[in-house]
Amino acid sequence: MPLYEDRKNAENKIKVSPETRDSIIFGTDKVLEKIIETAKFYKEKEQRTAILGFDGWMGVDWMRLESTVKSEGEKAGLNIEVIHIYSTFKSDDEIKEYKKTFITDDPSFGYVNRDGKIEDIMDDAKIEELKIKINEYRNNGSPELDAVVVYGPGSAIAALTDLYDSRFYFEMTRQPLLWQMWDGELVPLGKYEADSSYFWKEYYYCDYYLLHFQKNFAIERMDYYVEAIEFDDLKLVPRKAYDEIIQTLVKYPVKEVKIFQPGPWGAYRYKDLFDVPGLECNAWNELAGPELSMLIDVGREKMLNMPFVALMQYADQLVGPYIAETYPELFPLDVWLDDGYFPTPEPAERISMPIHNHPSTDYVKRHF
């Protein structure tokens, strides 16, 4: 399905301290240099094997990150072992059985996995084995091994996070992930290769929440935030700087990167708004909402691109205490323009989008 981003008028220019502004690292080479430098620092400081954790969102190019960290480590004279966290996940059949509850057999709808955690699809015994292995490196080290990197979504779960000398969170905004999924190139949770059968219901009803709640946990404990939307353009933000950026953003009116998708209905004004072939009938134009991203200008040579939901870290300030307490984790507003253009007259049912309300979850449970 085509999906377009519109970054026009989406820049958020904010004023942060010079320390925060200057601490951000732009460029993949420099970010990898910082990672290797961090491993070397803890190797020398602790006089043992350094232990790093790379948590993050699905859709990050984890395999390329693995190979690049190893090769860059070799160039710096470091022998680095990399461990994919998916080695601690349950079998494909067990994960599939777990997800059936949420995906259901309905062609369009499922049940939101609101109470799910990524640990639900991980094997306790395998996690324990990994803990024992890491603790052995922490306690005794290895003369042949300079650093161990555990990487992938779920690497910094509660059972593991305190074992790392330094924790990195690798972020992916939501739209580029959909491009990967629709092209059959997305590597799902627990798998090592792309799966073209993976589809939106599995993501939005189940995996999104496993990733979301793990991100909330990991972000609170990370040392570095890495924008990893494009592997060739990594950006690293130290934890202190990340906090200042987010705390500053919640005090500003925020502009988002809008998205456009074609659809089966529309009206007669969209032709004047945006000229992209195939979008004349644009049924889905999201102007504001929690799944969009923000361009953030802190006064450096490049802008950061972060998910809007990052601001929910300070939900009291963003949505107010009532919404934050009554509907935790939820942002209460989506703004869409459902519109399009047809060069010839069309039936009303095609050109008109009905005004409608989506009922609350409680209402649906009571009546359906």
Protein backbone atom coordinates (compact mmCIF):
# COMPACT_ATOMS: atom_id res chain seq x y z
CA MET A 1 0.00 0.00 0.00
CA PRO A 2 1.50 3.41 -0.91
CA LEU A 3 2.20 5.77 1.97
CA TYR A 4 3.75 9.21 1.68
CA GLU A 5 5.27 11.51 4.28
CA ASP A 6 4.96 15.28 4.05
CA ARG A 7 7.70 17.05 6.01
CA LYS A 8 6.65 20.52 4.93
CA ASN A 9 6.03 22.75 7.98
CA ALA A 10 6.92 19.88 10.32
CA GLU A 11 10.09 21.35 11.86
CA ASN A 12 10.07 21.98 15.60
CA LYS A 13 12.72 24.56 16.43
CA ILE A 14 13.48 24.40 20.14
CA LYS A 15 16.02 26.07 22.37
CA VAL A 16 18.16 23.73 24.46
CA SER A 17 21.34 24.22 26.44
CA PRO A 18 24.64 24.44 24.55
CA GLU A 19 25.73 21.25 26.34
CA THR A 20 22.74 19.31 24.98
CA ARG A 21 23.07 20.80 21.50
CA ASP A 22 26.76 20.00 21.23
CA SER A 23 26.55 16.49 22.72
CA ILE A 24 24.50 15.02 19.85
CA ILE A 25 26.53 12.86 17.45
CA PHE A 26 25.53 12.86 13.77
CA GLY A 27 26.65 10.26 11.25
CA THR A 28 26.94 6.47 11.31
CA ASP A 29 30.73 6.42 11.41
CA LYS A 30 30.86 8.73 14.43
CA VAL A 31 28.08 6.86 16.24
CA LEU A 32 29.88 3.55 15.75
CA GLU A 33 33.08 5.21 16.94
CA LYS A 34 31.25 6.24 20.12
CA ILE A 35 29.98 2.68 20.65
CA ILE A 36 33.47 1.23 20.28
CA GLU A 37 34.85 3.96 22.53
CA THR A 38 32.25 3.04 25.19
CA ALA A 39 33.18 -0.65 25.02
CA LYS A 40 36.87 0.20 25.33
CA PHE A 41 36.16 2.54 28.28
CA TYR A 42 34.41 -0.13 30.33
CA LYS A 43 36.95 -2.78 29.36
CA GLU A 44 39.71 -0.60 30.80
CA LYS A 45 37.70 0.74 33.74
CA GLU A 46 36.40 -2.60 34.99
CA GLN A 47 39.43 -4.64 33.89
CA ARG A 48 37.15 -7.29 32.42
CA THR A 49 34.95 -7.93 29.40
CA ALA A 50 32.69 -4.92 28.78
CA ILE A 51 28.95 -5.69 28.53
CA LEU A 52 26.70 -3.49 26.32
CA GLY A 53 22.96 -3.78 25.65
CA PHE A 54 21.30 -2.58 22.41
CA ASP A 55 17.52 -2.53 22.79
CA GLY A 56 15.18 -0.92 20.26
CA TRP A 57 12.20 -1.08 17.94
CA MET A 58 11.44 -3.64 15.28
CA GLY A 59 12.52 -2.56 11.79
CA VAL A 60 15.99 -1.36 12.78
CA ASP A 61 18.63 -3.02 10.57
CA TRP A 62 19.88 -5.19 13.43
CA MET A 63 21.89 -7.60 11.30
CA ARG A 64 23.85 -4.79 9.68
CA LEU A 65 24.42 -3.26 13.10
CA GLU A 66 25.78 -6.58 14.35
CA SER A 67 28.26 -7.03 11.52
CA THR A 68 29.35 -3.39 11.56
CA VAL A 69 29.98 -3.30 15.32
CA LYS A 70 32.12 -6.44 15.03
CA SER A 71 34.12 -5.11 12.08
CA GLU A 72 34.61 -1.67 13.64
CA GLY A 73 35.68 -3.35 16.86
CA GLU A 74 38.31 -5.36 14.97
CA LYS A 75 39.66 -2.17 13.41
CA ALA A 76 40.04 -0.72 16.91
CA GLY A 77 41.75 -3.87 18.19
CA LEU A 78 38.71 -5.15 20.11
CA ASN A 79 37.34 -8.66 19.94
CA ILE A 80 33.56 -8.27 20.34
CA GLU A 81 31.05 -11.09 20.74
CA VAL A 82 27.51 -10.24 19.61
CA ILE A 83 24.44 -12.08 20.92
CA HIS A 84 21.04 -11.66 19.27
CA ILE A 85 18.35 -11.49 21.96
CA TYR A 86 16.08 -13.54 19.68
CA SER A 87 18.16 -16.55 20.76
CA THR A 88 16.21 -16.34 24.04
CA PHE A 89 12.78 -16.22 22.36
CA LYS A 90 10.30 -19.08 22.33
CA SER A 91 9.83 -21.24 19.24
CA ASP A 92 7.91 -19.95 16.21
CA ASP A 93 5.00 -22.28 17.04
CA GLU A 94 4.81 -21.06 20.65
CA ILE A 95 4.89 -17.42 19.58
CA LYS A 96 2.23 -18.05 16.95
CA GLU A 97 -0.02 -19.72 19.54
CA TYR A 98 0.44 -16.78 21.93
CA LYS A 99 -0.56 -14.26 19.26
CA LYS A 100 -3.71 -16.12 18.14
CA THR A 101 -5.63 -14.65 21.07
CA PHE A 102 -5.06 -11.13 19.78
CA ILE A 103 -5.01 -11.58 16.02
CA THR A 104 -8.15 -13.84 15.90
CA ASP A 105 -9.66 -15.27 12.72
CA ASP A 106 -11.53 -12.08 11.86
CA PRO A 107 -10.22 -10.60 8.60
CA SER A 108 -10.05 -7.04 9.97
CA PHE A 109 -10.29 -6.91 13.76
CA GLY A 110 -8.59 -8.44 16.77
CA TYR A 111 -8.00 -7.81 20.46
CA VAL A 112 -5.42 -5.26 21.56
CA ASN A 113 -2.68 -6.83 23.68
CA ARG A 114 -2.85 -4.10 26.30
CA ASP A 115 -1.26 -6.16 29.08
CA GLY A 116 1.42 -7.85 27.01
CA LYS A 117 5.14 -7.72 27.66
CA ILE A 118 7.91 -8.82 25.36
CA GLU A 119 8.90 -11.35 28.03
CA ASP A 120 5.67 -13.21 27.13
CA ILE A 121 7.34 -14.53 23.97
CA MET A 122 10.73 -15.15 25.59
CA ASP A 123 11.90 -18.42 27.14
CA ASP A 124 12.69 -18.10 30.88
CA ALA A 125 15.26 -20.89 30.79
CA LYS A 126 17.10 -19.32 27.85
CA ILE A 127 17.12 -15.93 29.59
CA GLU A 128 18.59 -17.56 32.67
CA GLU A 129 21.32 -19.17 30.55
CA LEU A 130 22.16 -15.76 29.08
CA LYS A 131 22.28 -14.20 32.56
CA ILE A 132 24.70 -16.87 33.74
CA LYS A 133 26.90 -16.28 30.68
CA ILE A 134 26.94 -12.50 31.16
CA ASN A 135 27.63 -12.79 34.89
CA GLU A 136 30.56 -15.07 34.12
CA TYR A 137 32.03 -12.34 31.94
CA ARG A 138 31.28 -9.71 34.59
CA ASN A 139 32.86 -11.69 37.41
CA ASN A 140 35.79 -13.32 35.67
CA GLY A 141 36.12 -11.65 32.30
CA SER A 142 37.83 -13.29 29.35
CA PRO A 143 41.35 -12.51 28.19
CA GLU A 144 40.36 -13.20 24.56
CA LEU A 145 37.12 -11.22 24.67
CA ASP A 146 37.03 -7.44 25.05
CA ALA A 147 33.29 -6.83 24.89
CA VAL A 148 29.92 -8.56 24.61
CA VAL A 149 26.98 -6.86 22.90
CA VAL A 150 23.43 -8.18 23.40
CA TYR A 151 21.21 -6.65 20.73
CA GLY A 152 17.65 -6.57 19.40
CA PRO A 153 14.17 -5.70 20.73
CA GLY A 154 13.90 -6.91 24.32
CA SER A 155 17.62 -6.88 25.10
CA ALA A 156 17.12 -4.61 28.12
CA ILE A 157 14.26 -6.45 29.85
CA ALA A 158 14.13 -6.29 33.65
CA ALA A 159 16.06 -9.55 34.04
CA LEU A 160 19.01 -8.26 31.99
CA THR A 161 19.18 -4.47 32.08
CA ASP A 162 21.24 -4.16 35.28
CA LEU A 163 23.91 -6.48 33.89
CA TYR A 164 24.98 -4.01 31.18
CA ASP A 165 27.72 -1.46 31.64
CA SER A 166 25.96 0.78 29.12
CA ARG A 167 22.52 0.64 27.47
CA PHE A 168 21.59 2.00 24.01
CA TYR A 169 18.07 2.33 22.63
CA PHE A 170 17.78 2.19 18.80
CA GLU A 171 14.63 3.95 17.57
CA MET A 172 12.57 3.52 14.43
CA THR A 173 9.69 5.85 13.57
CA ARG A 174 6.46 4.13 12.63
CA GLN A 175 5.96 4.85 8.92
CA PRO A 176 9.30 3.48 7.60
CA LEU A 177 8.48 0.22 9.40
CA LEU A 178 5.23 -0.02 7.40
CA TRP A 179 7.17 0.46 4.16
CA GLN A 180 9.33 -2.51 5.10
CA MET A 181 6.27 -4.59 5.99
CA TRP A 182 4.40 -3.86 2.75
CA ASP A 183 7.52 -4.63 0.71
CA GLY A 184 7.93 -7.97 2.50
CA GLU A 185 11.27 -6.85 3.95
CA LEU A 186 10.38 -6.55 7.65
CA VAL A 187 12.06 -8.93 10.10
CA PRO A 188 9.37 -9.69 12.73
CA LEU A 189 9.91 -10.24 16.45
CA GLY A 190 11.67 -13.51 17.11
CA LYS A 191 12.76 -14.08 13.50
CA TYR A 192 16.16 -13.60 11.88
CA GLU A 193 14.96 -13.04 8.31
CA ALA A 194 12.24 -11.03 6.59
CA ASP A 195 8.80 -12.62 6.47
CA SER A 196 6.51 -11.46 3.65
CA SER A 197 3.49 -13.07 5.37
CA TYR A 198 3.79 -10.74 8.36
CA PHE A 199 0.93 -8.24 8.18
CA TRP A 200 -0.56 -5.21 9.88
CA LYS A 201 -2.95 -7.03 12.24
CA GLU A 202 -0.12 -8.90 13.92
CA TYR A 203 1.77 -5.65 14.36
CA TYR A 204 -1.00 -3.32 15.49
CA TYR A 205 -2.93 -5.72 17.73
CA CYS A 206 0.00 -7.49 19.37
CA ASP A 207 3.61 -6.69 18.56
CA TYR A 208 3.23 -2.92 18.73
CA TYR A 209 2.27 -3.17 22.40
CA LEU A 210 5.05 -5.61 23.25
CA LEU A 211 7.51 -3.14 21.71
CA HIS A 212 5.82 -0.06 23.19
CA PHE A 213 5.83 -1.23 26.79
CA GLN A 214 9.38 -2.54 26.49
CA LYS A 215 10.46 0.81 25.04
CA ASN A 216 8.93 2.64 28.01
CA PHE A 217 10.91 0.41 30.36
CA ALA A 218 14.17 0.65 28.39
CA ILE A 219 14.05 4.42 27.81
CA GLU A 220 13.94 5.06 31.55
CA ARG A 221 17.18 3.11 31.97
CA MET A 222 19.11 3.85 28.77
CA ASP A 223 22.40 5.72 28.57
CA TYR A 224 22.16 6.63 24.88
CA TYR A 225 19.32 7.11 22.41
CA VAL A 226 20.07 6.31 18.76
CA GLU A 227 17.89 7.43 15.85
CA ALA A 228 18.20 4.41 13.56
CA ILE A 229 15.58 5.05 10.86
CA GLU A 230 18.29 4.95 8.17
CA PHE A 231 21.35 2.93 9.02
CA ASP A 232 23.55 5.17 6.88
CA ASP A 233 22.47 8.21 8.90
CA LEU A 234 22.55 7.21 12.58
CA LYS A 235 22.26 9.92 15.23
CA LEU A 236 23.18 9.46 18.89
CA VAL A 237 21.77 11.46 21.80
CA PRO A 238 23.17 11.01 25.34
CA ARG A 239 20.53 10.31 27.98
CA LYS A 240 20.80 13.68 29.69
CA ALA A 241 20.42 15.50 26.38
CA TYR A 242 17.48 13.29 25.36
CA ASP A 243 15.65 14.16 28.57
CA GLU A 244 16.18 17.88 28.06
CA ILE A 245 14.92 17.66 24.46
CA ILE A 246 11.74 15.80 25.44
CA GLN A 247 11.10 18.02 28.47
CA THR A 248 11.49 21.07 26.24
CA LEU A 249 9.23 19.73 23.48
CA VAL A 250 6.27 19.19 25.82
CA LYS A 251 6.29 22.94 26.53
CA TYR A 252 6.01 23.85 22.83
CA PRO A 253 3.19 23.55 20.29
CA VAL A 254 4.31 20.48 18.33
CA LYS A 255 4.16 20.00 14.57
CA GLU A 256 4.25 16.52 13.08
CA VAL A 257 5.24 14.84 9.83
CA LYS A 258 1.91 14.29 8.04
CA ILE A 259 1.13 11.13 6.10
CA PHE A 260 -0.99 10.49 3.00
CA GLN A 261 -2.50 7.27 1.65
CA PRO A 262 -4.77 6.66 -1.35
CA GLY A 263 -8.20 5.14 -0.81
CA PRO A 264 -11.58 4.39 -2.41
CA TRP A 265 -13.35 7.69 -1.73
CA GLY A 266 -12.69 11.41 -1.77
CA ALA A 267 -14.03 14.87 -2.64
CA TYR A 268 -13.01 17.78 -4.88
CA ARG A 269 -10.45 19.94 -3.07
CA TYR A 270 -7.46 17.68 -2.56
CA LYS A 271 -6.07 18.44 -6.01
CA ASP A 272 -5.21 21.92 -4.74
CA LEU A 273 -3.26 20.64 -1.71
CA PHE A 274 -0.69 18.15 -2.92
CA ASP A 275 0.39 17.01 -6.36
CA VAL A 276 1.54 13.38 -6.18
CA PRO A 277 0.49 10.92 -8.90
CA GLY A 278 -1.81 8.30 -7.41
CA LEU A 279 -2.90 10.48 -4.51
CA GLU A 280 -5.68 12.35 -6.31
CA CYS A 281 -8.10 10.20 -4.33
CA ASN A 282 -6.59 10.47 -0.88
CA ALA A 283 -8.73 8.74 1.71
CA TRP A 284 -6.20 8.80 4.53
CA ASN A 285 -4.42 12.04 5.34
CA GLU A 286 -3.30 12.09 8.99
CA LEU A 287 -2.53 15.63 10.12
CA ALA A 288 -1.89 14.94 13.81
CA GLY A 289 -1.81 11.87 16.00
CA PRO A 290 0.29 9.61 18.19
CA GLU A 291 1.71 7.42 15.40
CA LEU A 292 3.33 10.34 13.55
CA SER A 293 6.87 11.62 13.98
CA MET A 294 8.43 15.00 14.77
CA LEU A 295 11.35 16.79 13.13
CA ILE A 296 13.39 18.47 15.87
CA ASP A 297 15.76 21.33 15.18
CA VAL A 298 18.12 22.02 18.09
CA GLY A 299 20.37 24.33 16.09
CA ARG A 300 22.75 21.74 14.62
CA GLU A 301 23.58 20.73 11.05
CA LYS A 302 20.78 18.14 10.96
CA MET A 303 17.40 17.61 12.59
CA LEU A 304 16.37 14.69 14.76
CA ASN A 305 13.33 12.61 13.80
CA MET A 306 11.51 11.09 16.78
CA PRO A 307 8.11 9.46 17.31
CA PHE A 308 5.55 11.81 18.80
CA VAL A 309 4.70 9.20 21.45
CA ALA A 310 8.10 9.88 23.01
CA LEU A 311 6.39 12.88 24.63
CA MET A 312 4.08 10.52 26.55
CA GLN A 313 7.03 10.03 28.90
CA TYR A 314 5.67 13.24 30.45
CA ALA A 315 1.97 12.49 30.01
CA ASP A 316 0.87 14.77 32.86
CA GLN A 317 2.27 17.77 30.98
CA LEU A 318 1.25 16.58 27.52
CA VAL A 319 -2.39 15.54 28.04
CA GLY A 320 -3.07 16.70 31.60
CA PRO A 321 -3.35 14.64 34.81
CA TYR A 322 -6.94 13.45 34.24
CA ILE A 323 -6.24 11.81 30.87
CA ALA A 324 -2.85 10.56 32.08
CA GLU A 325 -4.41 8.83 35.10
CA THR A 326 -7.71 7.70 33.56
CA TYR A 327 -6.34 6.49 30.21
CA PRO A 328 -2.68 5.68 30.84
CA GLU A 329 -0.49 5.20 27.75
CA LEU A 330 -3.18 6.65 25.46
CA PHE A 331 -3.12 9.91 23.53
CA PRO A 332 -6.74 11.02 23.07
CA LEU A 333 -6.68 12.72 19.68
CA ASP A 334 -6.25 11.85 16.01
CA VAL A 335 -6.81 14.41 13.26
CA TRP A 336 -7.45 13.15 9.71
CA LEU A 337 -8.52 14.80 6.49
CA ASP A 338 -10.39 12.30 4.34
CA ASP A 339 -10.53 13.94 0.96
CA GLY A 340 -9.68 13.46 -2.70
CA TYR A 341 -10.26 14.53 -6.26
CA PHE A 342 -12.08 12.94 -9.18
CA PRO A 343 -11.81 14.43 -12.69
CA THR A 344 -15.32 13.17 -13.58
CA PRO A 345 -18.59 13.07 -11.58
CA GLU A 346 -18.79 10.09 -9.23
CA PRO A 347 -21.58 8.58 -7.08
CA ALA A 348 -22.06 10.23 -3.71
CA GLU A 349 -21.16 7.05 -1.85
CA ARG A 350 -17.70 7.23 -3.39
CA ILE A 351 -16.97 10.91 -2.89
CA SER A 352 -18.48 11.30 0.59
CA MET A 353 -16.87 10.14 3.81
CA PRO A 354 -19.50 9.68 6.55
CA ILE A 355 -18.97 11.36 9.89
CA HIS A 356 -18.77 8.59 12.46
CA ASN A 357 -17.64 7.85 15.99
CA HIS A 358 -15.51 4.95 17.14
CA PRO A 359 -16.97 3.55 20.38
CA SER A 360 -14.85 3.00 23.46
CA THR A 361 -13.47 -0.45 24.29
CA ASP A 362 -15.87 -0.70 27.25
CA TYR A 363 -18.86 0.01 25.02
CA VAL A 364 -17.80 -2.62 22.51
CA LYS A 365 -17.33 -5.21 25.27
CA ARG A 366 -20.79 -4.47 26.69
CA HIS A 367 -22.68 -4.62 23.41
CA PHE A 368 -20.67 -6.99 21.22
